[in-house]
Amino acid sequence: VGKDVNAKGMKTAFLIIDVQHCFVPNGTLPVAGGDEVVGPINTILANRHFDLVVRTQDWHCADHVSFAAMHPGHAAFSSITLNYTVDGRLCDYPLYTHSKVNCS
């Protein structure tokens, strides 16, 4: 992380992408080490000034394609193949429980 304003006088921004309670150990969609990003983020915010701080959180409607319940016979945390990309390429897509709808 650089100084508050760089040598060219440009403004600064800090982006915090998709850091959510459900992604920490014992969360509804746990990610190994998911809680390890919180301390460094807090340290950066406490010690630097940014002109803009952006925090994002994704969510999905109850009938979103990412939920296993929308695919009979498929379990949560398994994958399905979707014709998902703009140019028609297939991709593997992980399936989740409905708990992510209320993840915050």
PDB file of N, CA and C in Angstrom:
ATOM      1  N   VAL A   1       0.855  -1.172   0.000  1.00  0.00           N
ATOM      2  CA  VAL A   1       0.000   0.000   0.000  1.00  0.00           C
ATOM      3  C   VAL A   1       0.894   1.225   0.000  1.00  0.00           C
ATOM      4  N   GLY A   2       0.648   2.127  -0.909  1.00  0.00           N
ATOM      5  CA  GLY A   2       1.489   3.304  -1.059  1.00  0.00           C
ATOM      6  C   GLY A   2       1.080   4.447  -0.164  1.00  0.00           C
ATOM      7  N   LYS A   3       1.652   5.606  -0.443  1.00  0.00           N
ATOM      8  CA  LYS A   3       1.316   6.809   0.312  1.00  0.00           C
ATOM      9  C   LYS A   3      -0.117   7.220  -0.003  1.00  0.00           C
ATOM     10  N   ASP A   4      -0.617   8.228   0.748  1.00  0.00           N
ATOM     11  CA  ASP A   4      -1.994   8.677   0.551  1.00  0.00           C
ATOM     12  C   ASP A   4      -2.246   9.145  -0.870  1.00  0.00           C
ATOM     13  N   VAL A   5      -1.318   9.872  -1.435  1.00  0.00           N
ATOM     14  CA  VAL A   5      -1.426  10.328  -2.821  1.00  0.00           C
ATOM     15  C   VAL A   5      -0.108   9.979  -3.483  1.00  0.00           C
ATOM     16  N   ASN A   6      -0.154   9.378  -4.653  1.00  0.00           N
ATOM     17  CA  ASN A   6       1.090   8.979  -5.285  1.00  0.00           C
ATOM     18  C   ASN A   6       1.794  10.176  -5.919  1.00  0.00           C
ATOM     19  N   ALA A   7       2.942   9.956  -6.500  1.00  0.00           N
ATOM     20  CA  ALA A   7       3.771  11.022  -7.056  1.00  0.00           C
ATOM     21  C   ALA A   7       3.062  11.809  -8.150  1.00  0.00           C
ATOM     22  N   LYS A   8       2.081  11.212  -8.805  1.00  0.00           N
ATOM     23  CA  LYS A   8       1.359  11.898  -9.867  1.00  0.00           C
ATOM     24  C   LYS A   8       0.114  12.608  -9.350  1.00  0.00           C
ATOM     25  N   GLY A   9      -0.100  12.607  -8.023  1.00  0.00           N
ATOM     26  CA  GLY A   9      -1.251  13.298  -7.450  1.00  0.00           C
ATOM     27  C   GLY A   9      -2.567  12.566  -7.623  1.00  0.00           C
ATOM     28  N   MET A  10      -2.508  11.275  -7.928  1.00  0.00           N
ATOM     29  CA  MET A  10      -3.735  10.507  -8.133  1.00  0.00           C
ATOM     30  C   MET A  10      -4.389  10.176  -6.794  1.00  0.00           C
ATOM     31  N   LYS A  11      -5.679  10.031  -6.798  1.00  0.00           N
ATOM     32  CA  LYS A  11      -6.409   9.664  -5.594  1.00  0.00           C
ATOM     33  C   LYS A  11      -6.255   8.169  -5.325  1.00  0.00           C
ATOM     34  N   THR A  12      -6.564   7.774  -4.093  1.00  0.00           N
ATOM     35  CA  THR A  12      -6.385   6.390  -3.686  1.00  0.00           C
ATOM     36  C   THR A  12      -7.724   5.732  -3.382  1.00  0.00           C
ATOM     37  N   ALA A  13      -7.758   4.421  -3.557  1.00  0.00           N
ATOM     38  CA  ALA A  13      -8.942   3.640  -3.220  1.00  0.00           C
ATOM     39  C   ALA A  13      -8.494   2.314  -2.616  1.00  0.00           C
ATOM     40  N   PHE A  14      -9.293   1.802  -1.717  1.00  0.00           N
ATOM     41  CA  PHE A  14      -9.050   0.497  -1.115  1.00  0.00           C
ATOM     42  C   PHE A  14     -10.315  -0.319  -1.330  1.00  0.00           C
ATOM     43  N   LEU A  15     -10.182  -1.460  -2.003  1.00  0.00           N
ATOM     44  CA  LEU A  15     -11.318  -2.316  -2.327  1.00  0.00           C
ATOM     45  C   LEU A  15     -11.298  -3.562  -1.448  1.00  0.00           C
ATOM     46  N   ILE A  16     -12.381  -3.808  -0.757  1.00  0.00           N
ATOM     47  CA  ILE A  16     -12.528  -4.990   0.089  1.00  0.00           C
ATOM     48  C   ILE A  16     -13.620  -5.828  -0.566  1.00  0.00           C
ATOM     49  N   ILE A  17     -13.216  -6.908  -1.202  1.00  0.00           N
ATOM     50  CA  ILE A  17     -14.120  -7.682  -2.040  1.00  0.00           C
ATOM     51  C   ILE A  17     -14.595  -8.949  -1.340  1.00  0.00           C
ATOM     52  N   ASP A  18     -15.888  -9.045  -1.135  1.00  0.00           N
ATOM     53  CA  ASP A  18     -16.554 -10.267  -0.695  1.00  0.00           C
ATOM     54  C   ASP A  18     -16.018 -10.843   0.609  1.00  0.00           C
ATOM     55  N   VAL A  19     -15.690  -9.995   1.580  1.00  0.00           N
ATOM     56  CA  VAL A  19     -15.302 -10.466   2.906  1.00  0.00           C
ATOM     57  C   VAL A  19     -16.592 -10.545   3.722  1.00  0.00           C
ATOM     58  N   GLN A  20     -17.015 -11.781   4.044  1.00  0.00           N
ATOM     59  CA  GLN A  20     -18.302 -11.998   4.689  1.00  0.00           C
ATOM     60  C   GLN A  20     -18.166 -12.991   5.833  1.00  0.00           C
ATOM     61  N   HIS A  21     -19.039 -12.855   6.825  1.00  0.00           N
ATOM     62  CA  HIS A  21     -19.017 -13.752   7.986  1.00  0.00           C
ATOM     63  C   HIS A  21     -19.176 -15.218   7.594  1.00  0.00           C
ATOM     64  N   CYS A  22     -19.910 -15.482   6.549  1.00  0.00           N
ATOM     65  CA  CYS A  22     -20.159 -16.891   6.200  1.00  0.00           C
ATOM     66  C   CYS A  22     -18.895 -17.585   5.681  1.00  0.00           C
ATOM     67  N   PHE A  23     -17.877 -16.839   5.280  1.00  0.00           N
ATOM     68  CA  PHE A  23     -16.669 -17.439   4.715  1.00  0.00           C
ATOM     69  C   PHE A  23     -15.576 -17.715   5.749  1.00  0.00           C
ATOM     70  N   VAL A  24     -15.832 -17.442   7.019  1.00  0.00           N
ATOM     71  CA  VAL A  24     -14.843 -17.723   8.067  1.00  0.00           C
ATOM     72  C   VAL A  24     -15.051 -19.140   8.584  1.00  0.00           C
ATOM     73  N   PRO A  25     -14.038 -19.718   9.253  1.00  0.00           N
ATOM     74  CA  PRO A  25     -14.239 -21.047   9.832  1.00  0.00           C
ATOM     75  C   PRO A  25     -15.497 -21.051  10.711  1.00  0.00           C
ATOM     76  N   ASN A  26     -16.254 -22.103  10.619  1.00  0.00           N
ATOM     77  CA  ASN A  26     -17.533 -22.279  11.315  1.00  0.00           C
ATOM     78  C   ASN A  26     -18.648 -21.418  10.726  1.00  0.00           C
ATOM     79  N   GLY A  27     -18.389 -20.735   9.607  1.00  0.00           N
ATOM     80  CA  GLY A  27     -19.440 -19.999   8.915  1.00  0.00           C
ATOM     81  C   GLY A  27     -20.286 -20.953   8.097  1.00  0.00           C
ATOM     82  N   THR A  28     -21.310 -20.427   7.455  1.00  0.00           N
ATOM     83  CA  THR A  28     -22.197 -21.285   6.671  1.00  0.00           C
ATOM     84  C   THR A  28     -21.549 -21.792   5.393  1.00  0.00           C
ATOM     85  N   LEU A  29     -20.553 -21.065   4.875  1.00  0.00           N
ATOM     86  CA  LEU A  29     -19.770 -21.504   3.710  1.00  0.00           C
ATOM     87  C   LEU A  29     -18.297 -21.294   4.034  1.00  0.00           C
ATOM     88  N   PRO A  30     -17.774 -22.071   4.979  1.00  0.00           N
ATOM     89  CA  PRO A  30     -16.424 -21.821   5.476  1.00  0.00           C
ATOM     90  C   PRO A  30     -15.339 -21.962   4.409  1.00  0.00           C
ATOM     91  N   VAL A  31     -14.380 -21.062   4.472  1.00  0.00           N
ATOM     92  CA  VAL A  31     -13.197 -21.088   3.623  1.00  0.00           C
ATOM     93  C   VAL A  31     -12.004 -21.194   4.571  1.00  0.00           C
ATOM     94  N   ALA A  32     -11.153 -22.176   4.346  1.00  0.00           N
ATOM     95  CA  ALA A  32      -9.977 -22.330   5.204  1.00  0.00           C
ATOM     96  C   ALA A  32      -9.185 -21.033   5.220  1.00  0.00           C
ATOM     97  N   GLY A  33      -8.946 -20.498   6.396  1.00  0.00           N
ATOM     98  CA  GLY A  33      -8.194 -19.251   6.529  1.00  0.00           C
ATOM     99  C   GLY A  33      -8.991 -18.014   6.161  1.00  0.00           C
ATOM    100  N   GLY A  34     -10.287 -18.154   5.952  1.00  0.00           N
ATOM    101  CA  GLY A  34     -11.103 -17.015   5.544  1.00  0.00           C
ATOM    102  C   GLY A  34     -11.082 -15.857   6.521  1.00  0.00           C
ATOM    103  N   ASP A  35     -10.847 -16.154   7.786  1.00  0.00           N
ATOM    104  CA  ASP A  35     -10.782 -15.099   8.798  1.00  0.00           C
ATOM    105  C   ASP A  35      -9.425 -14.400   8.840  1.00  0.00           C
ATOM    106  N   GLU A  36      -8.434 -14.940   8.165  1.00  0.00           N
ATOM    107  CA  GLU A  36      -7.083 -14.385   8.221  1.00  0.00           C
ATOM    108  C   GLU A  36      -6.941 -13.081   7.452  1.00  0.00           C
ATOM    109  N   VAL A  37      -7.913 -12.705   6.656  1.00  0.00           N
ATOM    110  CA  VAL A  37      -7.834 -11.437   5.913  1.00  0.00           C
ATOM    111  C   VAL A  37      -8.321 -10.257   6.740  1.00  0.00           C
ATOM    112  N   VAL A  38      -9.093 -10.525   7.801  1.00  0.00           N
ATOM    113  CA  VAL A  38      -9.717  -9.443   8.564  1.00  0.00           C
ATOM    114  C   VAL A  38      -8.688  -8.565   9.270  1.00  0.00           C
ATOM    115  N   GLY A  39      -7.730  -9.175   9.950  1.00  0.00           N
ATOM    116  CA  GLY A  39      -6.705  -8.405  10.661  1.00  0.00           C
ATOM    117  C   GLY A  39      -5.909  -7.487   9.745  1.00  0.00           C
ATOM    118  N   PRO A  40      -5.354  -8.002   8.651  1.00  0.00           N
ATOM    119  CA  PRO A  40      -4.622  -7.127   7.735  1.00  0.00           C
ATOM    120  C   PRO A  40      -5.487  -6.004   7.147  1.00  0.00           C
ATOM    121  N   ILE A  41      -6.734  -6.296   6.836  1.00  0.00           N
ATOM    122  CA  ILE A  41      -7.615  -5.241   6.324  1.00  0.00           C
ATOM    123  C   ILE A  41      -7.791  -4.156   7.373  1.00  0.00           C
ATOM    124  N   ASN A  42      -8.061  -4.548   8.609  1.00  0.00           N
ATOM    125  CA  ASN A  42      -8.233  -3.567   9.682  1.00  0.00           C
ATOM    126  C   ASN A  42      -6.957  -2.761   9.917  1.00  0.00           C
ATOM    127  N   THR A  43      -5.797  -3.408   9.830  1.00  0.00           N
ATOM    128  CA  THR A  43      -4.526  -2.705  10.000  1.00  0.00           C
ATOM    129  C   THR A  43      -4.309  -1.678   8.900  1.00  0.00           C
ATOM    130  N   ILE A  44      -4.578  -2.059   7.682  1.00  0.00           N
ATOM    131  CA  ILE A  44      -4.433  -1.128   6.564  1.00  0.00           C
ATOM    132  C   ILE A  44      -5.355   0.072   6.754  1.00  0.00           C
ATOM    133  N   LEU A  45      -6.609  -0.197   7.097  1.00  0.00           N
ATOM    134  CA  LEU A  45      -7.570   0.900   7.268  1.00  0.00           C
ATOM    135  C   LEU A  45      -7.199   1.819   8.430  1.00  0.00           C
ATOM    136  N   ALA A  46      -6.584   1.265   9.478  1.00  0.00           N
ATOM    137  CA  ALA A  46      -6.200   2.070  10.640  1.00  0.00           C
ATOM    138  C   ALA A  46      -4.960   2.912  10.383  1.00  0.00           C
ATOM    139  N   ASN A  47      -4.137   2.503   9.417  1.00  0.00           N
ATOM    140  CA  ASN A  47      -2.849   3.162   9.224  1.00  0.00           C
ATOM    141  C   ASN A  47      -2.703   3.925   7.921  1.00  0.00           C
ATOM    142  N   ARG A  48      -3.672   3.900   7.078  1.00  0.00           N
ATOM    143  CA  ARG A  48      -3.608   4.597   5.788  1.00  0.00           C
ATOM    144  C   ARG A  48      -4.882   5.388   5.559  1.00  0.00           C
ATOM    145  N   HIS A  49      -4.750   6.445   4.810  1.00  0.00           N
ATOM    146  CA  HIS A  49      -5.918   7.203   4.376  1.00  0.00           C
ATOM    147  C   HIS A  49      -6.189   6.853   2.917  1.00  0.00           C
ATOM    148  N   PHE A  50      -7.441   6.609   2.613  1.00  0.00           N
ATOM    149  CA  PHE A  50      -7.858   6.374   1.241  1.00  0.00           C
ATOM    150  C   PHE A  50      -8.966   7.357   0.912  1.00  0.00           C
ATOM    151  N   ASP A  51      -8.944   7.859  -0.297  1.00  0.00           N
ATOM    152  CA  ASP A  51     -10.004   8.756  -0.728  1.00  0.00           C
ATOM    153  C   ASP A  51     -11.335   8.026  -0.843  1.00  0.00           C
ATOM    154  N   LEU A  52     -11.252   6.741  -1.094  1.00  0.00           N
ATOM    155  CA  LEU A  52     -12.460   5.935  -1.262  1.00  0.00           C
ATOM    156  C   LEU A  52     -12.196   4.538  -0.727  1.00  0.00           C
ATOM    157  N   VAL A  53     -13.103   4.035   0.098  1.00  0.00           N
ATOM    158  CA  VAL A  53     -13.060   2.648   0.558  1.00  0.00           C
ATOM    159  C   VAL A  53     -14.350   1.998   0.078  1.00  0.00           C
ATOM    160  N   VAL A  54     -14.205   0.892  -0.653  1.00  0.00           N
ATOM    161  CA  VAL A  54     -15.358   0.185  -1.206  1.00  0.00           C
ATOM    162  C   VAL A  54     -15.387  -1.214  -0.620  1.00  0.00           C
ATOM    163  N   ARG A  55     -16.545  -1.595  -0.090  1.00  0.00           N
ATOM    164  CA  ARG A  55     -16.749  -2.948   0.425  1.00  0.00           C
ATOM    165  C   ARG A  55     -17.858  -3.593  -0.398  1.00  0.00           C
ATOM    166  N   THR A  56     -17.605  -4.797  -0.889  1.00  0.00           N
ATOM    167  CA  THR A  56     -18.644  -5.489  -1.653  1.00  0.00           C
ATOM    168  C   THR A  56     -19.088  -6.742  -0.918  1.00  0.00           C
ATOM    169  N   GLN A  57     -20.300  -7.143  -1.188  1.00  0.00           N
ATOM    170  CA  GLN A  57     -20.839  -8.391  -0.662  1.00  0.00           C
ATOM    171  C   GLN A  57     -21.784  -8.927  -1.713  1.00  0.00           C
ATOM    172  N   ASP A  58     -21.575 -10.158  -2.123  1.00  0.00           N
ATOM    173  CA  ASP A  58     -22.489 -10.715  -3.105  1.00  0.00           C
ATOM    174  C   ASP A  58     -23.652 -11.401  -2.413  1.00  0.00           C
ATOM    175  N   TRP A  59     -24.701 -11.606  -3.132  1.00  0.00           N
ATOM    176  CA  TRP A  59     -25.867 -12.328  -2.650  1.00  0.00           C
ATOM    177  C   TRP A  59     -26.551 -12.935  -3.860  1.00  0.00           C
ATOM    178  N   HIS A  60     -27.399 -13.896  -3.610  1.00  0.00           N
ATOM    179  CA  HIS A  60     -28.108 -14.565  -4.692  1.00  0.00           C
ATOM    180  C   HIS A  60     -29.574 -14.737  -4.314  1.00  0.00           C
ATOM    181  N   CYS A  61     -30.441 -14.586  -5.282  1.00  0.00           N
ATOM    182  CA  CYS A  61     -31.862 -14.838  -5.049  1.00  0.00           C
ATOM    183  C   CYS A  61     -32.046 -16.325  -4.742  1.00  0.00           C
ATOM    184  N   ALA A  62     -33.165 -16.661  -4.117  1.00  0.00           N
ATOM    185  CA  ALA A  62     -33.383 -18.022  -3.627  1.00  0.00           C
ATOM    186  C   ALA A  62     -33.354 -19.083  -4.724  1.00  0.00           C
ATOM    187  N   ASP A  63     -33.656 -18.712  -5.970  1.00  0.00           N
ATOM    188  CA  ASP A  63     -33.656 -19.713  -7.044  1.00  0.00           C
ATOM    189  C   ASP A  63     -32.433 -19.587  -7.962  1.00  0.00           C
ATOM    190  N   HIS A  64     -31.342 -19.064  -7.428  1.00  0.00           N
ATOM    191  CA  HIS A  64     -30.111 -18.882  -8.201  1.00  0.00           C
ATOM    192  C   HIS A  64     -29.515 -20.228  -8.605  1.00  0.00           C
ATOM    193  N   VAL A  65     -28.887 -20.256  -9.761  1.00  0.00           N
ATOM    194  CA  VAL A  65     -28.289 -21.479 -10.305  1.00  0.00           C
ATOM    195  C   VAL A  65     -27.204 -22.058  -9.402  1.00  0.00           C
ATOM    196  N   SER A  66     -26.647 -21.282  -8.502  1.00  0.00           N
ATOM    197  CA  SER A  66     -25.552 -21.763  -7.663  1.00  0.00           C
ATOM    198  C   SER A  66     -26.004 -22.625  -6.490  1.00  0.00           C
ATOM    199  N   PHE A  67     -27.302 -22.750  -6.266  1.00  0.00           N
ATOM    200  CA  PHE A  67     -27.782 -23.548  -5.140  1.00  0.00           C
ATOM    201  C   PHE A  67     -28.075 -24.984  -5.560  1.00  0.00           C
ATOM    202  N   ALA A  68     -27.562 -25.923  -4.787  1.00  0.00           N
ATOM    203  CA  ALA A  68     -27.760 -27.338  -5.089  1.00  0.00           C
ATOM    204  C   ALA A  68     -29.239 -27.690  -5.178  1.00  0.00           C
ATOM    205  N   ALA A  69     -30.063 -27.037  -4.408  1.00  0.00           N
ATOM    206  CA  ALA A  69     -31.497 -27.327  -4.419  1.00  0.00           C
ATOM    207  C   ALA A  69     -32.133 -27.083  -5.787  1.00  0.00           C
ATOM    208  N   MET A  70     -31.501 -26.304  -6.620  1.00  0.00           N
ATOM    209  CA  MET A  70     -32.025 -26.024  -7.952  1.00  0.00           C
ATOM    210  C   MET A  70     -31.655 -27.131  -8.941  1.00  0.00           C
ATOM    211  N   HIS A  71     -30.879 -28.112  -8.498  1.00  0.00           N
ATOM    212  CA  HIS A  71     -30.391 -29.185  -9.363  1.00  0.00           C
ATOM    213  C   HIS A  71     -30.637 -30.528  -8.685  1.00  0.00           C
ATOM    214  N   PRO A  72     -31.843 -31.091  -8.835  1.00  0.00           N
ATOM    215  CA  PRO A  72     -32.162 -32.366  -8.182  1.00  0.00           C
ATOM    216  C   PRO A  72     -31.072 -33.414  -8.436  1.00  0.00           C
ATOM    217  N   GLY A  73     -30.711 -34.094  -7.367  1.00  0.00           N
ATOM    218  CA  GLY A  73     -29.692 -35.136  -7.476  1.00  0.00           C
ATOM    219  C   GLY A  73     -28.277 -34.643  -7.248  1.00  0.00           C
ATOM    220  N   HIS A  74     -28.093 -33.336  -7.083  1.00  0.00           N
ATOM    221  CA  HIS A  74     -26.761 -32.788  -6.834  1.00  0.00           C
ATOM    222  C   HIS A  74     -26.677 -32.284  -5.393  1.00  0.00           C
ATOM    223  N   ALA A  75     -25.559 -32.568  -4.766  1.00  0.00           N
ATOM    224  CA  ALA A  75     -25.350 -32.177  -3.375  1.00  0.00           C
ATOM    225  C   ALA A  75     -24.627 -30.840  -3.293  1.00  0.00           C
ATOM    226  N   ALA A  76     -24.829 -30.164  -2.171  1.00  0.00           N
ATOM    227  CA  ALA A  76     -24.086 -28.930  -1.909  1.00  0.00           C
ATOM    228  C   ALA A  76     -22.590 -29.227  -1.966  1.00  0.00           C
ATOM    229  N   PHE A  77     -21.840 -28.303  -2.513  1.00  0.00           N
ATOM    230  CA  PHE A  77     -20.382 -28.358  -2.657  1.00  0.00           C
ATOM    231  C   PHE A  77     -19.929 -29.320  -3.744  1.00  0.00           C
ATOM    232  N   SER A  78     -20.871 -29.858  -4.523  1.00  0.00           N
ATOM    233  CA  SER A  78     -20.493 -30.581  -5.728  1.00  0.00           C
ATOM    234  C   SER A  78     -20.449 -29.555  -6.865  1.00  0.00           C
ATOM    235  N   SER A  79     -20.174 -29.994  -8.077  1.00  0.00           N
ATOM    236  CA  SER A  79     -20.106 -29.073  -9.216  1.00  0.00           C
ATOM    237  C   SER A  79     -20.983 -29.571 -10.349  1.00  0.00           C
ATOM    238  N   ILE A  80     -21.448 -28.640 -11.147  1.00  0.00           N
ATOM    239  CA  ILE A  80     -22.169 -28.962 -12.370  1.00  0.00           C
ATOM    240  C   ILE A  80     -21.464 -28.251 -13.514  1.00  0.00           C
ATOM    241  N   THR A  81     -21.739 -28.657 -14.732  1.00  0.00           N
ATOM    242  CA  THR A  81     -21.168 -27.996 -15.897  1.00  0.00           C
ATOM    243  C   THR A  81     -22.254 -27.153 -16.553  1.00  0.00           C
ATOM    244  N   LEU A  82     -21.949 -25.880 -16.772  1.00  0.00           N
ATOM    245  CA  LEU A  82     -22.898 -24.950 -17.371  1.00  0.00           C
ATOM    246  C   LEU A  82     -22.341 -24.371 -18.658  1.00  0.00           C
ATOM    247  N   ASN A  83     -23.202 -24.080 -19.612  1.00  0.00           N
ATOM    248  CA  ASN A  83     -22.839 -23.308 -20.794  1.00  0.00           C
ATOM    249  C   ASN A  83     -22.956 -21.853 -20.360  1.00  0.00           C
ATOM    250  N   TYR A  84     -21.926 -21.332 -19.738  1.00  0.00           N
ATOM    251  CA  TYR A  84     -22.010 -20.121 -18.931  1.00  0.00           C
ATOM    252  C   TYR A  84     -21.333 -18.906 -19.540  1.00  0.00           C
ATOM    253  N   THR A  85     -20.309 -19.095 -20.331  1.00  0.00           N
ATOM    254  CA  THR A  85     -19.546 -17.962 -20.824  1.00  0.00           C
ATOM    255  C   THR A  85     -20.212 -17.322 -22.032  1.00  0.00           C
ATOM    256  N   VAL A  86     -19.885 -16.076 -22.285  1.00  0.00           N
ATOM    257  CA  VAL A  86     -20.472 -15.330 -23.396  1.00  0.00           C
ATOM    258  C   VAL A  86     -20.214 -16.010 -24.723  1.00  0.00           C
ATOM    259  N   ASP A  87     -19.033 -16.589 -24.880  1.00  0.00           N
ATOM    260  CA  ASP A  87     -18.707 -17.232 -26.152  1.00  0.00           C
ATOM    261  C   ASP A  87     -19.098 -18.714 -26.190  1.00  0.00           C
ATOM    262  N   GLY A  88     -19.901 -19.167 -25.216  1.00  0.00           N
ATOM    263  CA  GLY A  88     -20.452 -20.509 -25.258  1.00  0.00           C
ATOM    264  C   GLY A  88     -19.589 -21.603 -24.676  1.00  0.00           C
ATOM    265  N   ARG A  89     -18.459 -21.254 -24.062  1.00  0.00           N
ATOM    266  CA  ARG A  89     -17.618 -22.280 -23.458  1.00  0.00           C
ATOM    267  C   ARG A  89     -18.287 -22.846 -22.212  1.00  0.00           C
ATOM    268  N   LEU A  90     -18.031 -24.110 -21.948  1.00  0.00           N
ATOM    269  CA  LEU A  90     -18.544 -24.746 -20.748  1.00  0.00           C
ATOM    270  C   LEU A  90     -17.633 -24.438 -19.568  1.00  0.00           C
ATOM    271  N   CYS A  91     -18.217 -24.365 -18.397  1.00  0.00           N
ATOM    272  CA  CYS A  91     -17.399 -24.173 -17.210  1.00  0.00           C
ATOM    273  C   CYS A  91     -18.002 -24.961 -16.059  1.00  0.00           C
ATOM    274  N   ASP A  92     -17.142 -25.377 -15.127  1.00  0.00           N
ATOM    275  CA  ASP A  92     -17.609 -26.048 -13.918  1.00  0.00           C
ATOM    276  C   ASP A  92     -18.076 -24.979 -12.946  1.00  0.00           C
ATOM    277  N   TYR A  93     -19.187 -25.233 -12.294  1.00  0.00           N
ATOM    278  CA  TYR A  93     -19.772 -24.263 -11.379  1.00  0.00           C
ATOM    279  C   TYR A  93     -20.060 -24.959 -10.060  1.00  0.00           C
ATOM    280  N   PRO A  94     -19.531 -24.444  -8.946  1.00  0.00           N
ATOM    281  CA  PRO A  94     -19.773 -25.083  -7.647  1.00  0.00           C
ATOM    282  C   PRO A  94     -21.194 -24.807  -7.168  1.00  0.00           C
ATOM    283  N   LEU A  95     -21.752 -25.753  -6.438  1.00  0.00           N
ATOM    284  CA  LEU A  95     -23.089 -25.597  -5.876  1.00  0.00           C
ATOM    285  C   LEU A  95     -23.004 -25.372  -4.373  1.00  0.00           C
ATOM    286  N   TYR A  96     -23.889 -24.545  -3.865  1.00  0.00           N
ATOM    287  CA  TYR A  96     -23.874 -24.170  -2.454  1.00  0.00           C
ATOM    288  C   TYR A  96     -25.216 -24.459  -1.808  1.00  0.00           C
ATOM    289  N   THR A  97     -25.234 -24.362  -0.489  1.00  0.00           N
ATOM    290  CA  THR A  97     -26.492 -24.471   0.258  1.00  0.00           C
ATOM    291  C   THR A  97     -27.202 -23.126   0.147  1.00  0.00           C
ATOM    292  N   HIS A  98     -28.458 -23.076   0.497  1.00  0.00           N
ATOM    293  CA  HIS A  98     -29.215 -21.827   0.455  1.00  0.00           C
ATOM    294  C   HIS A  98     -28.782 -20.839   1.524  1.00  0.00           C
ATOM    295  N   SER A  99     -27.920 -21.224   2.437  1.00  0.00           N
ATOM    296  CA  SER A  99     -27.509 -20.333   3.519  1.00  0.00           C
ATOM    297  C   SER A  99     -26.845 -19.069   3.010  1.00  0.00           C
ATOM    298  N   LYS A 100     -26.271 -19.097   1.807  1.00  0.00           N
ATOM    299  CA  LYS A 100     -25.580 -17.907   1.305  1.00  0.00           C
ATOM    300  C   LYS A 100     -26.546 -16.773   0.999  1.00  0.00           C
ATOM    301  N   VAL A 101     -27.822 -17.081   0.831  1.00  0.00           N
ATOM    302  CA  VAL A 101     -28.808 -16.039   0.562  1.00  0.00           C
ATOM    303  C   VAL A 101     -28.781 -15.009   1.694  1.00  0.00           C
ATOM    304  N   ASN A 102     -28.631 -15.485   2.928  1.00  0.00           N
ATOM    305  CA  ASN A 102     -28.673 -14.601   4.072  1.00  0.00           C
ATOM    306  C   ASN A 102     -27.301 -14.304   4.664  1.00  0.00           C
ATOM    307  N   CYS A 103     -26.272 -14.595   3.927  1.00  0.00           N
ATOM    308  CA  CYS A 103     -24.917 -14.393   4.415  1.00  0.00           C
ATOM    309  C   CYS A 103     -24.620 -12.903   4.520  1.00  0.00           C
ATOM    310  N   SER A 104     -24.099 -12.475   5.648  1.00  0.00           N
ATOM    311  CA  SER A 104     -23.732 -11.059   5.800  1.00  0.00           C
ATOM    312  C   SER A 104     -22.579 -10.918   6.766  1.00  0.00           C
TER     313      SER A 104
END
